Amino acid sequence: MSTRVFARLLRHRLRAIQTLPPVPTAALGERRLATAAGAVAAEAEVHDGASRWDLTAAREYEQYRRSIYGEITHRALLVDAVGTLVVPAQPMAQIYKTIGEKYGVSYSEDEILTRYRWAYEQPWGRSRLRYVDDGRPFWQHIVSASTGCSDAKYFEELYHYYTTEKAWRLCDPDAEKVFSALRKAGVKIAVVSNFDTRLRPVLQALNCDHWFDAIAVSAEVAAEKPNPMIFLKACDFLGIKPEEAVHVGDDRRNDLWGARDAGCDAWLWGSDVCSFKEVARRIGVKV
């Protein structure tokens, strides 16, 4: 069996395990479980078995990659922005309400959040791209739908707020140290994000833009995750092949599936990995 075929089999094995839904008691073979305790024990047994297979497959795959690349399993790390690298410093609905009160916004934070979620999930015009250039038309629609306020001054104040360091914080305080160690070890790093052109000013405001070798923003490359094109663009910016990169993000559809469709490895933030130190360890770099 060729190494390429072996790698593909291992990756499919990992994907199948990681996307398994919770196993209902009724699906545990044909066994009739007499007690609730028996049902819990049997279900735990199935999940424990899946976990063991998961760990075994992951180790086998890491060993395979190290046989090709040496101790470092990937030549590049792709990182999602919002939800992985950075998060809002305060809840969105709270900011919309606080700033909006002087413009007549009367909805509660819960109402704003509900309306925001509904508006955000709706199709945006005839385009698949929500973020085009600075994203103003899209965000004007979202703010108006969320708060019932179409005041241009209100929108501009909100829009500007989300370009400042006050609006964001880093998810992992060790990020700078970890990224520095990765780059010293020869691992290239890129941000891959569904965002408008404000992402670069945001990273500059947080003084972290220099941590990265490249930034792939959906508004600039005309492709939004899970479209594989944005991941391929990031790999092209870094000068590496997709199979040499691993992407880390918090969204199963956009980050995990999108990256894998592009040919990259992918780890789910908050599940597969919970810190950038863990990311570095899995790649094979000590911090």
Protein backbone atom coordinates (compact mmCIF):
# COMPACT_ATOMS: atom_id res chain seq x y z
CA MET A 1 0.00 0.00 0.00
CA SER A 2 1.43 3.42 -0.95
CA THR A 3 2.00 6.06 1.72
CA ARG A 4 -0.56 8.32 0.01
CA VAL A 5 -3.27 5.64 0.16
CA PHE A 6 -2.33 4.79 3.77
CA ALA A 7 -2.62 8.46 4.75
CA ARG A 8 -6.00 8.77 3.06
CA LEU A 9 -7.34 5.71 4.88
CA LEU A 10 -6.17 7.02 8.24
CA ARG A 11 -7.69 10.44 7.62
CA HIS A 12 -11.04 8.95 6.60
CA ARG A 13 -10.92 6.80 9.74
CA LEU A 14 -10.35 9.85 11.91
CA ARG A 15 -13.12 11.80 10.20
CA ALA A 16 -15.62 8.99 10.60
CA ILE A 17 -14.88 8.71 14.30
CA GLN A 18 -14.92 12.45 15.01
CA THR A 19 -18.28 12.99 13.31
CA LEU A 20 -20.11 10.07 14.96
CA PRO A 21 -23.36 11.21 16.63
CA PRO A 22 -24.09 10.19 20.23
CA VAL A 23 -24.99 6.50 20.29
CA PRO A 24 -28.58 5.92 21.52
CA THR A 25 -29.20 3.02 23.86
CA ALA A 26 -31.46 1.39 21.27
CA ALA A 27 -28.54 1.13 18.89
CA LEU A 28 -26.38 -0.97 21.19
CA GLY A 29 -26.71 -4.20 19.24
CA GLU A 30 -29.81 -6.22 19.98
CA ARG A 31 -29.26 -6.25 23.74
CA ARG A 32 -32.23 -5.78 26.01
CA LEU A 33 -30.99 -3.85 29.02
CA ALA A 34 -32.99 -4.64 32.12
CA THR A 35 -32.04 -1.60 34.20
CA ALA A 36 -31.16 2.04 33.72
CA ALA A 37 -27.75 1.32 35.22
CA GLY A 38 -27.16 -1.36 32.60
CA ALA A 39 -28.10 1.05 29.82
CA VAL A 40 -25.70 3.71 31.05
CA ALA A 41 -22.88 1.18 31.41
CA ALA A 42 -23.43 -0.20 27.90
CA GLU A 43 -23.52 3.24 26.31
CA ALA A 44 -20.38 4.26 28.18
CA GLU A 45 -18.70 1.11 26.88
CA VAL A 46 -19.47 2.09 23.28
CA HIS A 47 -18.18 5.63 23.76
CA ASP A 48 -15.06 4.40 25.55
CA GLY A 49 -14.40 2.07 22.63
CA ALA A 50 -14.80 4.93 20.15
CA SER A 51 -12.43 7.06 22.24
CA ARG A 52 -9.82 4.32 22.22
CA TRP A 53 -10.12 3.97 18.44
CA ASP A 54 -9.92 7.77 18.13
CA LEU A 55 -6.68 7.95 20.14
CA THR A 56 -5.17 4.99 18.30
CA ALA A 57 -6.00 6.43 14.88
CA ALA A 58 -4.67 9.87 15.85
CA ARG A 59 -1.39 8.40 17.09
CA GLU A 60 -1.01 6.26 13.98
CA TYR A 61 -1.60 9.27 11.76
CA GLU A 62 0.86 11.46 13.70
CA GLN A 63 3.47 8.70 13.48
CA TYR A 64 2.86 8.46 9.74
CA ARG A 65 3.33 12.22 9.29
CA ARG A 66 6.50 12.19 11.37
CA SER A 67 7.85 9.43 9.15
CA ILE A 68 7.53 11.90 6.26
CA TYR A 69 8.28 15.30 7.81
CA GLY A 70 10.39 14.32 10.81
CA GLU A 71 9.41 15.33 14.32
CA ILE A 72 7.22 18.18 13.06
CA THR A 73 3.96 16.82 11.63
CA HIS A 74 2.90 19.94 9.68
CA ARG A 75 4.76 22.70 7.90
CA ALA A 76 2.01 25.26 8.43
CA LEU A 77 -0.71 26.21 10.92
CA LEU A 78 -3.89 27.95 9.75
CA VAL A 79 -5.87 29.70 12.49
CA ASP A 80 -9.48 30.89 12.53
CA ALA A 81 -9.92 34.42 13.88
CA VAL A 82 -13.19 35.01 15.76
CA GLY A 83 -13.89 32.27 18.29
CA THR A 84 -10.38 30.80 18.13
CA LEU A 85 -7.77 33.54 18.06
CA VAL A 86 -9.95 36.36 19.39
CA VAL A 87 -13.39 36.78 20.95
CA PRO A 88 -15.51 39.88 21.68
CA ALA A 89 -14.46 41.49 24.96
CA GLN A 90 -18.14 41.99 25.86
CA PRO A 91 -21.32 40.29 24.62
CA MET A 92 -22.45 41.67 21.28
CA ALA A 93 -26.03 42.33 22.44
CA GLN A 94 -24.75 44.30 25.42
CA ILE A 95 -22.69 46.58 23.18
CA TYR A 96 -25.51 47.03 20.67
CA LYS A 97 -27.85 48.05 23.50
CA THR A 98 -25.40 50.24 25.43
CA ILE A 99 -24.34 52.27 22.41
CA GLY A 100 -27.84 52.20 20.95
CA GLU A 101 -29.69 53.64 23.95
CA LYS A 102 -28.77 57.22 23.02
CA TYR A 103 -30.16 56.53 19.53
CA GLY A 104 -33.47 55.23 20.83
CA VAL A 105 -32.82 51.47 20.87
CA SER A 106 -35.29 49.98 23.36
CA TYR A 107 -34.97 46.22 22.79
CA SER A 108 -33.58 44.10 25.62
CA GLU A 109 -30.27 42.27 25.18
CA ASP A 110 -32.13 38.98 24.77
CA GLU A 111 -34.35 40.48 22.06
CA ILE A 112 -31.34 41.93 20.25
CA LEU A 113 -29.52 38.60 20.38
CA THR A 114 -32.53 36.70 19.03
CA ARG A 115 -33.06 39.16 16.20
CA TYR A 116 -29.31 39.19 15.42
CA ARG A 117 -29.14 35.42 15.11
CA TRP A 118 -32.17 35.34 12.86
CA ALA A 119 -30.85 38.11 10.60
CA TYR A 120 -27.35 36.63 10.42
CA GLU A 121 -28.63 33.24 9.25
CA GLN A 122 -30.77 34.63 6.43
CA PRO A 123 -29.52 34.57 2.81
CA TRP A 124 -27.72 37.78 1.96
CA GLY A 125 -28.91 39.15 -1.38
CA ARG A 126 -27.97 37.16 -4.46
CA SER A 127 -24.38 36.71 -3.37
CA ARG A 128 -22.91 33.91 -1.29
CA LEU A 129 -20.47 36.45 0.13
CA ARG A 130 -21.62 38.37 3.19
CA TYR A 131 -18.36 40.26 3.58
CA VAL A 132 -17.47 42.27 0.49
CA ASP A 133 -14.74 44.87 0.97
CA ASP A 134 -15.49 46.69 4.24
CA GLY A 135 -18.77 44.79 4.72
CA ARG A 136 -20.77 47.93 5.44
CA PRO A 137 -23.99 47.00 3.55
CA PHE A 138 -24.16 43.62 5.28
CA TRP A 139 -23.52 45.01 8.75
CA GLN A 140 -25.96 47.90 8.24
CA HIS A 141 -28.61 45.29 7.54
CA ILE A 142 -27.63 43.24 10.61
CA VAL A 143 -27.59 46.23 12.98
CA SER A 144 -30.92 47.54 11.72
CA ALA A 145 -32.58 44.11 11.89
CA SER A 146 -31.17 43.44 15.36
CA THR A 147 -32.06 46.73 17.00
CA GLY A 148 -34.79 48.29 14.88
CA CYS A 149 -32.58 51.37 14.52
CA SER A 150 -31.43 52.58 11.11
CA ASP A 151 -29.67 55.73 12.31
CA ALA A 152 -26.48 56.13 10.26
CA LYS A 153 -24.59 57.69 13.18
CA TYR A 154 -25.47 54.71 15.39
CA PHE A 155 -24.20 52.28 12.78
CA GLU A 156 -20.93 54.16 12.26
CA GLU A 157 -20.25 54.28 16.00
CA LEU A 158 -20.83 50.54 16.30
CA TYR A 159 -18.86 49.80 13.16
CA HIS A 160 -15.86 51.79 14.38
CA TYR A 161 -16.02 50.27 17.87
CA TYR A 162 -15.35 46.83 16.42
CA THR A 163 -12.06 48.01 14.91
CA THR A 164 -10.63 48.97 18.32
CA GLU A 165 -8.72 46.95 20.92
CA LYS A 166 -11.56 47.59 23.41
CA ALA A 167 -13.86 45.35 21.38
CA TRP A 168 -11.71 42.20 21.38
CA ARG A 169 -9.50 40.01 23.54
CA LEU A 170 -7.23 37.07 22.79
CA CYS A 171 -8.68 33.63 23.50
CA ASP A 172 -5.35 32.22 24.70
CA PRO A 173 -2.90 34.42 26.66
CA ASP A 174 -0.05 32.11 25.59
CA ALA A 175 -0.72 32.61 21.89
CA GLU A 176 2.23 34.92 21.22
CA LYS A 177 4.73 32.64 22.97
CA VAL A 178 3.41 29.56 21.17
CA PHE A 179 3.34 31.17 17.73
CA SER A 180 6.89 32.44 18.24
CA ALA A 181 8.08 28.92 19.09
CA LEU A 182 6.28 27.47 16.08
CA ARG A 183 7.81 29.97 13.67
CA LYS A 184 11.29 29.43 15.12
CA ALA A 185 10.76 25.72 14.45
CA GLY A 186 9.99 26.50 10.82
CA VAL A 187 6.19 26.28 10.98
CA LYS A 188 4.47 29.01 8.98
CA ILE A 189 1.28 30.55 10.38
CA ALA A 190 -1.70 32.19 8.67
CA VAL A 191 -5.05 33.54 9.81
CA VAL A 192 -8.00 32.24 7.78
CA SER A 193 -11.18 34.15 8.54
CA ASN A 194 -14.66 35.01 7.31
CA PHE A 195 -14.37 38.73 7.96
CA ASP A 196 -14.44 42.07 6.18
CA THR A 197 -11.42 44.29 5.60
CA ARG A 198 -11.43 45.45 9.24
CA LEU A 199 -9.63 42.26 10.30
CA ARG A 200 -6.18 43.67 9.61
CA PRO A 201 -6.81 46.85 11.65
CA VAL A 202 -8.24 44.68 14.45
CA LEU A 203 -5.10 42.53 14.57
CA GLN A 204 -2.96 45.67 14.46
CA ALA A 205 -4.96 47.18 17.34
CA LEU A 206 -4.34 44.01 19.37
CA ASN A 207 -0.64 44.19 18.40
CA CYS A 208 -0.65 40.66 17.02
CA ASP A 209 -0.60 41.16 13.26
CA HIS A 210 3.16 40.49 13.18
CA TRP A 211 2.64 36.99 14.61
CA PHE A 212 1.53 35.72 11.20
CA ASP A 213 3.20 35.04 7.88
CA ALA A 214 -0.06 35.60 5.97
CA ILE A 215 -3.69 36.60 6.44
CA ALA A 216 -6.48 35.18 4.27
CA VAL A 217 -9.63 37.27 4.71
CA SER A 218 -12.82 36.22 2.93
CA ALA A 219 -13.58 39.79 1.84
CA GLU A 220 -10.20 39.98 0.10
CA VAL A 221 -10.06 36.53 -1.53
CA ALA A 222 -13.77 36.42 -2.52
CA ALA A 223 -14.41 33.09 -0.80
CA GLU A 224 -15.93 32.32 2.59
CA LYS A 225 -15.45 29.21 4.70
CA PRO A 226 -16.40 26.40 4.23
CA ASN A 227 -15.46 27.10 0.59
CA PRO A 228 -12.12 25.28 0.17
CA MET A 229 -10.81 28.16 -1.93
CA ILE A 230 -10.03 30.35 1.09
CA PHE A 231 -7.88 27.58 2.60
CA LEU A 232 -6.14 27.00 -0.73
CA LYS A 233 -5.43 30.74 -0.96
CA ALA A 234 -3.89 30.69 2.53
CA CYS A 235 -1.67 27.75 1.57
CA ASP A 236 -0.66 29.56 -1.60
CA PHE A 237 0.24 32.68 0.42
CA LEU A 238 2.47 30.51 2.63
CA GLY A 239 4.01 28.61 -0.27
CA ILE A 240 2.98 25.18 1.02
CA LYS A 241 0.74 22.33 -0.14
CA PRO A 242 -2.67 21.85 1.55
CA GLU A 243 -1.67 18.44 2.92
CA GLU A 244 1.23 20.11 4.74
CA ALA A 245 -1.09 22.35 6.77
CA VAL A 246 -3.39 21.89 9.74
CA HIS A 247 -6.25 24.31 10.38
CA VAL A 248 -7.60 25.09 13.85
CA GLY A 249 -11.05 26.63 14.29
CA ASP A 250 -14.16 26.49 16.45
CA ASP A 251 -16.81 25.79 13.81
CA ARG A 252 -17.31 22.19 12.69
CA ARG A 253 -18.81 23.10 9.32
CA ASN A 254 -16.74 26.13 8.36
CA ASP A 255 -13.42 25.12 9.87
CA LEU A 256 -13.28 21.34 10.18
CA TRP A 257 -15.14 20.31 7.04
CA GLY A 258 -14.02 23.27 4.94
CA ALA A 259 -10.32 22.71 5.65
CA ARG A 260 -10.56 18.99 5.03
CA ASP A 261 -12.33 19.56 1.73
CA ALA A 262 -9.32 21.67 0.75
CA GLY A 263 -6.98 18.79 1.61
CA CYS A 264 -5.71 20.18 4.92
CA ASP A 265 -5.80 18.50 8.29
CA ALA A 266 -8.14 20.17 10.80
CA TRP A 267 -8.61 20.23 14.57
CA LEU A 268 -11.71 21.56 16.27
CA TRP A 269 -10.93 24.27 18.83
CA GLY A 270 -12.49 23.46 22.19
CA SER A 271 -12.69 19.75 21.37
CA ASP A 272 -9.64 18.33 19.59
CA VAL A 273 -7.44 21.06 21.06
CA CYS A 274 -8.17 23.59 23.81
CA SER A 275 -5.02 25.74 23.80
CA PHE A 276 -2.30 26.74 21.39
CA LYS A 277 0.24 24.92 23.56
CA GLU A 278 -1.71 21.76 22.80
CA VAL A 279 -1.66 22.64 19.11
CA ALA A 280 2.13 23.04 19.23
CA ARG A 281 2.53 19.76 21.11
CA ARG A 282 0.51 17.87 18.50
CA ILE A 283 2.56 19.43 15.71
CA GLY A 284 5.72 18.38 17.54
CA VAL A 285 7.06 21.71 18.82
CA LYS A 286 7.97 22.23 22.47
CA VAL A 287 7.00 25.55 24.05
